[in-house]
Protein backbone atom coordinates (compact mmCIF):
# COMPACT_ATOMS: atom_id res chain seq x y z
CA MET A 1 0.00 0.00 0.00
CA GLN A 2 1.20 3.50 -0.83
CA ASN A 3 0.24 5.28 2.38
CA GLY A 4 0.58 8.92 3.34
CA ILE A 5 1.00 11.65 5.92
CA SER A 6 -0.61 15.08 6.33
CA ILE A 7 1.09 18.43 6.86
CA TYR A 8 -0.73 21.74 7.30
CA ALA A 9 0.93 25.10 6.73
CA GLY A 10 0.26 28.04 9.04
CA LEU A 11 -0.78 26.11 12.13
CA ASP A 12 1.08 25.29 15.36
CA SER A 13 3.80 23.03 13.95
CA THR A 14 7.02 24.80 13.09
CA GLY A 15 8.60 24.67 9.67
CA GLU A 16 11.37 22.52 11.14
CA GLU A 17 8.84 20.03 12.55
CA ASN A 18 7.05 19.81 9.20
CA LEU A 19 10.26 19.16 7.29
CA ALA A 20 11.41 16.61 9.88
CA LEU A 21 8.13 14.74 9.41
CA LEU A 22 8.66 14.67 5.64
CA GLU A 23 12.17 13.30 6.14
CA SER A 24 11.00 10.59 8.57
CA ALA A 25 8.06 9.56 6.39
CA ALA A 26 10.19 9.38 3.25
CA ALA A 27 12.72 7.15 5.05
CA LEU A 28 9.90 4.76 6.03
CA GLY A 29 8.59 4.51 2.46
CA PHE A 30 5.53 6.77 2.61
CA LYS A 31 4.49 7.90 -0.87
CA LYS A 32 1.65 10.39 -0.39
CA LEU A 33 1.39 13.80 1.22
CA PHE A 34 -2.00 15.31 1.95
CA THR A 35 -2.23 19.05 2.50
CA SER A 36 -4.87 21.71 2.16
CA ALA A 37 -5.19 25.09 0.53
CA GLN A 38 -8.19 25.88 2.74
CA ILE A 39 -7.29 26.12 6.45
CA PRO A 40 -9.40 28.81 8.15
CA GLU A 41 -7.31 28.54 11.35
CA ALA A 42 -4.19 29.71 9.46
CA ALA A 43 -4.72 33.41 10.16
CA ASP A 44 -1.31 34.66 8.98
CA ASP A 45 -1.44 34.62 5.17
CA GLU A 46 2.28 35.32 4.76
CA LYS A 47 3.29 32.55 7.16
CA PHE A 48 0.90 30.16 5.45
CA PHE A 49 2.27 30.90 1.97
CA ASP A 50 5.93 30.59 3.03
CA GLU A 51 5.39 27.29 4.85
CA PHE A 52 3.08 25.95 2.14
CA THR A 53 5.70 26.61 -0.55
CA GLU A 54 8.45 24.97 1.49
CA ILE A 55 6.30 21.90 2.20
CA LEU A 56 5.48 21.39 -1.47
CA THR A 57 9.07 21.92 -2.61
CA THR A 58 10.48 19.46 -0.07
CA ALA A 59 7.77 16.89 -0.81
CA VAL A 60 8.60 16.98 -4.52
CA THR A 61 12.29 16.49 -3.71
CA HIS A 62 11.44 13.34 -1.77
CA GLY A 63 9.19 11.93 -4.48
CA PHE A 64 5.85 12.27 -2.70
CA GLU A 65 2.58 12.35 -4.59
CA ILE A 66 1.08 15.63 -3.35
CA ILE A 67 -2.67 15.55 -2.72
CA LEU A 68 -3.99 19.09 -2.39
CA ASP A 69 -7.47 19.75 -1.07
CA VAL A 70 -9.12 22.54 -3.10
CA ASN A 71 -12.60 23.94 -3.67
CA GLU A 72 -14.26 25.52 -6.68
CA LYS A 73 -13.14 28.99 -5.55
CA ASN A 74 -9.40 28.37 -5.29
CA PHE A 75 -9.08 25.56 -7.85
CA ALA A 76 -7.57 27.72 -10.60
CA GLN A 77 -4.94 29.10 -8.23
CA TYR A 78 -3.53 25.64 -7.53
CA ASP A 79 -4.03 23.96 -10.92
CA ILE A 80 -0.34 23.01 -10.96
CA GLU A 81 1.09 20.17 -13.00
CA GLY A 82 2.21 17.21 -10.92
CA ILE A 83 -0.19 17.81 -8.02
CA THR A 84 -3.23 15.58 -7.48
CA LEU A 85 -6.17 17.85 -6.74
CA ARG A 86 -8.76 16.58 -4.28
CA LEU A 87 -11.91 18.30 -5.43
CA ASP A 88 -14.08 19.21 -2.49
CA ASP A 89 -17.82 19.69 -2.93
CA GLY A 90 -18.97 22.36 -5.37
CA PHE A 91 -17.78 20.93 -8.69
CA THR A 92 -20.34 19.64 -11.19
CA ALA A 93 -19.91 16.26 -12.83
CA GLN A 94 -19.29 17.96 -16.15
CA GLU A 95 -16.51 20.09 -14.64
CA VAL A 96 -14.92 17.07 -12.97
CA ALA A 97 -15.05 15.06 -16.19
CA LYS A 98 -13.34 17.88 -18.08
CA ILE A 99 -10.60 18.28 -15.45
CA SER A 100 -9.96 14.53 -15.42
CA HIS A 101 -8.73 14.63 -19.01
CA ALA A 102 -5.97 17.09 -18.09
CA ARG A 103 -4.68 15.87 -14.71
CA LYS A 104 -4.99 13.48 -11.78
CA ILE A 105 -7.84 14.28 -9.42
CA GLN A 106 -9.50 12.83 -6.34
CA LEU A 107 -13.18 12.74 -5.57
CA ASN A 108 -14.61 13.24 -2.11
CA ALA A 109 -15.36 9.59 -1.30
CA SER A 110 -17.54 10.52 1.69
CA THR A 111 -20.10 12.49 -0.32
CA VAL A 112 -19.96 11.08 -3.85
CA THR A 113 -23.21 9.50 -5.06
CA GLU A 114 -24.08 6.86 -7.63
CA ASN A 115 -25.91 9.52 -9.66
CA PHE A 116 -22.77 11.68 -9.74
CA LEU A 117 -20.68 8.73 -10.90
CA ASP A 118 -23.26 7.94 -13.58
CA GLU A 119 -22.94 11.53 -14.79
CA LEU A 120 -19.14 11.17 -14.94
CA ILE A 121 -19.65 8.19 -17.24
CA GLU A 122 -22.12 10.19 -19.32
CA PHE A 123 -19.62 13.08 -19.67
CA LYS A 124 -16.86 10.59 -20.58
CA ALA A 125 -14.55 11.26 -17.63
CA GLU A 126 -11.02 9.84 -17.81
CA PHE A 127 -11.30 7.32 -14.99
CA LYS A 128 -7.63 6.33 -15.09
CA ASN A 129 -6.90 9.80 -13.66
CA ILE A 130 -9.52 9.56 -10.90
CA SER A 131 -9.11 8.24 -7.38
CA ALA A 132 -11.08 9.05 -4.22
CA LEU A 133 -10.29 10.11 -0.67
CA HIS A 134 -12.71 10.28 2.24
CA ASN A 135 -13.10 13.30 4.52
CA PHE A 136 -11.67 13.46 8.00
CA TYR A 137 -13.91 14.69 10.83
CA PRO A 138 -12.44 16.96 13.55
CA HIS A 139 -15.72 17.24 15.47
CA PRO A 140 -16.24 14.27 17.82
CA TRP A 141 -19.18 11.98 17.03
CA THR A 142 -19.39 13.21 13.41
CA GLY A 143 -17.07 10.62 11.80
CA LEU A 144 -18.52 8.22 9.28
CA ASP A 145 -20.56 5.17 10.18
CA THR A 146 -18.65 2.02 9.23
CA TYR A 147 -21.45 0.50 7.15
CA PHE A 148 -21.97 3.75 5.25
CA PHE A 149 -18.21 3.81 4.63
CA ILE A 150 -18.27 0.27 3.24
CA ASN A 151 -21.15 1.15 0.91
CA GLN A 152 -19.43 4.30 -0.35
CA ASN A 153 -16.28 2.33 -1.09
CA GLN A 154 -18.21 -0.30 -3.01
CA ILE A 155 -19.86 2.13 -5.43
CA LEU A 156 -16.41 3.55 -6.19
CA ARG A 157 -14.81 0.13 -6.59
CA ASP A 158 -17.51 -0.84 -9.06
CA LEU A 159 -15.82 1.68 -11.37
CA GLU A 160 -12.32 0.51 -10.31
CA ILE A 161 -11.65 3.80 -8.50
CA GLU A 162 -9.04 3.51 -5.74
CA VAL A 163 -10.20 4.72 -2.33
CA GLY A 164 -8.25 6.15 0.60
CA ALA A 165 -9.18 7.25 4.12
CA PHE A 166 -7.71 8.96 7.18
CA VAL A 167 -6.61 7.60 10.55
CA PRO A 168 -5.95 9.86 13.56
CA SER A 169 -2.83 10.20 15.65
CA ARG A 170 -3.59 9.24 19.23
CA ASP A 171 -0.20 9.69 20.85
CA GLY A 172 1.21 12.55 18.75
CA LYS A 173 0.12 16.18 18.56
CA ARG A 174 -3.46 16.38 17.33
CA ARG A 175 -4.37 19.18 14.95
CA LEU A 176 -5.98 22.48 15.80
CA PRO A 177 -8.55 23.75 16.54
CA LEU A 178 -10.21 20.93 18.49
CA ARG A 179 -7.36 18.44 18.94
CA GLU A 180 -9.90 15.60 18.89
CA GLY A 181 -8.14 13.64 16.14
CA LEU A 182 -8.78 13.55 12.39
CA PRO A 183 -10.35 10.17 11.59
CA THR A 184 -12.60 9.22 8.71
CA LEU A 185 -14.43 6.62 10.83
CA GLU A 186 -15.86 7.68 14.17
CA ASP A 187 -15.04 4.21 15.50
CA CYS A 188 -11.35 5.04 15.00
CA ARG A 189 -11.28 8.36 16.86
CA ASN A 190 -9.74 6.95 20.03
CA PHE A 191 -8.20 3.78 18.62
CA SER A 192 -4.44 3.61 18.41
CA THR A 193 -3.15 4.69 15.01
CA ASP A 194 -1.94 1.13 14.48
CA LEU A 195 -5.37 -0.43 15.14
CA SER A 196 -7.13 2.26 13.07
CA ALA A 197 -4.87 1.53 10.10
CA ARG A 198 -5.31 -2.23 10.40
CA PHE A 199 -9.08 -1.71 10.58
CA LEU A 200 -9.10 0.38 7.39
CA ALA A 201 -6.91 -2.23 5.70
CA ALA A 202 -9.37 -4.92 6.76
CA LEU A 203 -12.15 -2.86 5.18
CA GLY A 204 -10.21 -2.92 1.92
CA VAL A 205 -9.06 0.67 1.39
CA ASN A 206 -6.30 1.14 -1.17
CA PHE A 207 -4.30 3.68 0.84
CA ILE A 208 -4.26 5.18 4.32
CA ILE A 209 -3.29 8.70 5.35
CA ILE A 210 -2.51 9.86 8.89
CA GLY A 211 -4.76 12.89 9.30
CA ASP A 212 -3.02 14.70 12.16
CA GLY A 213 0.14 16.58 11.26
CA GLN A 214 2.57 15.45 13.99
CA PRO A 215 2.28 11.68 14.60
CA THR A 216 4.89 9.88 16.69
CA GLN A 217 7.66 7.83 15.13
CA GLU A 218 5.94 4.67 16.39
CA GLU A 219 2.70 5.68 14.67
CA LEU A 220 4.55 6.34 11.43
CA GLN A 221 6.21 2.94 11.64
CA ALA A 222 2.88 1.21 12.31
CA VAL A 223 1.17 2.71 9.26
CA ALA A 224 4.25 2.16 7.07
CA ALA A 225 4.09 -1.56 7.91
CA ILE A 226 0.45 -2.02 6.86
CA ASP A 227 -0.09 -4.64 4.15
CA GLY A 228 -3.49 -4.38 2.54
CA ASP A 229 -3.57 -8.11 1.70
CA GLU A 230 -3.23 -9.29 5.31
CA ILE A 231 -4.94 -8.70 8.64
CA ILE A 232 -2.65 -8.82 11.66
CA PHE A 233 -4.24 -9.62 15.03
CA ARG A 234 -2.43 -8.65 18.22
CA ALA A 235 -2.73 -11.53 20.65
CA GLN A 236 -1.40 -13.12 23.81
CA LEU A 237 0.35 -16.48 23.43
CA ILE A 238 -0.96 -18.92 26.03
CA SER A 239 0.60 -22.23 25.03
CA ASN A 240 4.11 -23.22 26.15
CA ASP A 241 4.44 -25.82 23.38
CA LEU A 242 7.28 -24.98 20.97
CA ASN A 243 5.59 -26.50 17.91
CA THR A 244 2.45 -24.50 18.63
CA ALA A 245 4.43 -21.29 19.00
CA GLU A 246 6.28 -21.93 15.73
CA ILE A 247 3.07 -22.65 13.81
CA LEU A 248 1.33 -19.53 15.15
CA SER A 249 4.31 -17.36 14.16
CA ARG A 250 3.54 -18.04 10.48
CA LYS A 251 1.07 -16.56 8.01
CA PHE A 252 -2.34 -18.13 7.40
CA THR A 253 -5.19 -18.01 4.89
CA ARG A 254 -8.87 -18.17 5.84
CA ARG A 255 -10.57 -21.11 4.16
CA ALA A 256 -12.97 -20.32 1.34
CA ASP A 257 -15.80 -22.35 2.94
CA VAL A 258 -16.99 -20.25 5.86
CA ALA A 259 -17.73 -22.24 9.03
CA LYS A 260 -20.51 -21.20 11.40
CA SER A 261 -18.59 -21.01 14.67
CA VAL A 262 -14.89 -20.71 13.81
CA ILE A 263 -12.49 -19.15 11.32
CA ARG A 264 -10.48 -22.05 9.87
CA ALA A 265 -6.94 -21.59 8.61
CA VAL A 266 -5.80 -23.46 5.53
CA GLU A 267 -2.19 -24.08 6.50
CA GLY A 268 -2.00 -25.29 10.13
CA ARG A 269 -1.91 -29.02 9.48
CA GLN A 270 0.65 -28.61 6.71
CA TYR A 271 2.87 -26.51 8.96
CA LEU A 272 2.80 -29.29 11.58
CA LYS A 273 3.83 -31.87 8.96
CA GLU A 274 6.72 -29.63 7.92
CA LEU A 275 7.89 -29.45 11.54
CA GLY A 276 7.71 -33.23 11.86
CA GLY A 277 6.47 -33.02 15.44
CA LYS A 278 3.23 -33.31 17.34
CA ILE A 279 0.88 -31.18 19.43
CA PRO A 280 0.39 -32.78 22.86
CA ALA A 281 -3.05 -32.56 24.47
CA GLU A 282 -3.65 -30.16 27.38
CA ASP A 283 -4.12 -31.72 30.81
CA LEU A 284 -7.33 -29.82 31.60
CA PRO A 285 -9.23 -28.62 28.52
CA ILE A 286 -11.53 -25.66 29.17
CA GLU A 287 -14.45 -23.95 27.45
CA ARG A 288 -13.46 -22.01 24.34
CA SER A 289 -14.55 -18.37 23.96
CA PHE A 290 -14.94 -15.79 21.21
CA GLY A 291 -11.46 -14.61 20.21
CA ASP A 292 -9.59 -17.71 21.36
CA VAL A 293 -7.02 -19.12 18.93
CA THR A 294 -7.03 -22.92 19.07
CA ILE A 295 -4.93 -25.71 17.60
CA ASP A 296 -6.09 -29.31 17.28
CA ASN A 297 -3.82 -31.70 19.18
CA GLU A 298 -2.67 -35.25 18.50
CA ASN A 299 -5.99 -36.68 19.77
CA PHE A 300 -7.75 -35.23 16.69
CA GLY A 301 -5.98 -37.58 14.30
CA ARG A 302 -5.54 -36.16 10.80
CA TYR A 303 -6.82 -32.75 11.95
CA ALA A 304 -3.85 -32.31 14.30
CA GLY A 305 -2.32 -28.88 13.74
CA GLU A 306 -5.50 -27.21 12.47
CA VAL A 307 -5.64 -23.57 13.60
CA GLN A 308 -8.95 -21.85 14.29
CA ILE A 309 -10.17 -18.51 15.64
CA LEU A 310 -13.34 -18.86 17.72
CA GLN A 311 -16.41 -16.90 16.66
CA ASP A 312 -18.66 -18.45 19.31
CA VAL A 313 -18.55 -20.03 22.75
CA LEU A 314 -17.83 -23.77 22.40
CA PRO A 315 -17.50 -26.52 25.01
CA ALA A 316 -14.19 -27.89 26.23
CA ASP A 317 -12.77 -30.60 23.96
CA GLY A 318 -9.81 -32.81 24.86
CA ARG A 319 -8.78 -32.82 21.21
CA VAL A 320 -8.41 -29.02 21.02
CA ASN A 321 -5.87 -26.76 22.78
CA ILE A 322 -6.41 -23.06 23.45
CA ALA A 323 -3.11 -21.69 22.15
CA ALA A 324 -3.58 -17.90 22.22
CA ARG A 325 -6.16 -15.17 22.63
CA ILE A 326 -6.71 -12.12 20.47
CA LEU A 327 -6.70 -8.93 22.55
CA ASP A 328 -10.22 -7.96 23.58
CA GLU A 329 -10.12 -4.59 21.80
CA GLU A 330 -9.16 -6.31 18.53
CA ILE A 331 -11.57 -9.24 18.45
CA PHE A 332 -13.98 -7.16 16.33
CA LEU A 333 -11.43 -7.29 13.48
CA THR A 334 -12.12 -11.01 13.03
CA GLY A 335 -15.53 -10.08 11.63
CA TYR A 336 -13.85 -8.42 8.65
CA LEU A 337 -11.58 -11.32 7.67
CA LYS A 338 -12.73 -12.46 4.25
CA PRO A 339 -12.60 -15.98 2.79
CA GLY A 340 -9.25 -16.46 1.10
CA GLN A 341 -7.65 -13.51 2.95
CA LYS A 342 -4.26 -13.76 4.67
CA PHE A 343 -3.90 -13.23 8.42
CA SER A 344 -1.27 -13.56 11.11
CA PHE A 345 -0.73 -12.92 14.81
CA LYS A 346 1.53 -10.40 16.55
CA PHE A 347 2.14 -11.53 20.09
CA VAL A 348 2.40 -8.90 22.84
């Protein structure tokens, strides 16, 4: 995934802090920079222009794709070659279609409608130059509903339009004026940046941008590590068995046939065969709960080594060991794991 950062000229981050963030993000492989030409809190026009120019110049030097948020009033002022313009509300479909033939643009993924997209088709828009980026929402409780978000993404994907969204910084300096975080999804407002990014990846976005302008180094590293093809679950390892620990350190694929009560991994049994060992049974099997990670032991015959994530409460079974447990705040992510999708565990 080509993920991004945000930097805002004229606010409370110094020019040195902004440039340091660009340097750090570039070193970690970030490819996108979001910034805005419409920041009402930036009261000093001269300061804004000087910082804005320096941000853009440095970003170009480091090879960032610059995504600039513009409206219909200031569009002409920033119609600069090489910059992707995110067109905020106010542009007609005919105007957007015309612009798309000359340059790369982004639609507002949070407000676009099927009728608007139909009009883009009618006006023969150049869809290879069109992507989409959701809004962020500074005001608490106004972020997008997750199911609305999923629906918006689907109508864009039907036209093969890539979609991005914002995650907040929780531990860094949150942006003025409210300092309540800049998430797209309200559910993410007080999540860690890491969990927010893994949630958006699970929902299938094509790229993720940190909305706040001064994330921590740890938050940058977490977003830089996101792989859109895999969901990583943070978990606690319970088992002391070495073969179990080795198997659970590997990458898995959810089976295509969806079971009612568990998520079944394709590879567990094969991994056990490769190790040439066995999984001994636990002395006192206990009831299995939602979020438990289990592995079938030697008493289950040919199923020995099978890895499952519980989606229900199931009775104790002497043939099944509880090997790990997904952290409580992350169990919800299991509901977004699709058939055929990769997943793995990060033990904490």
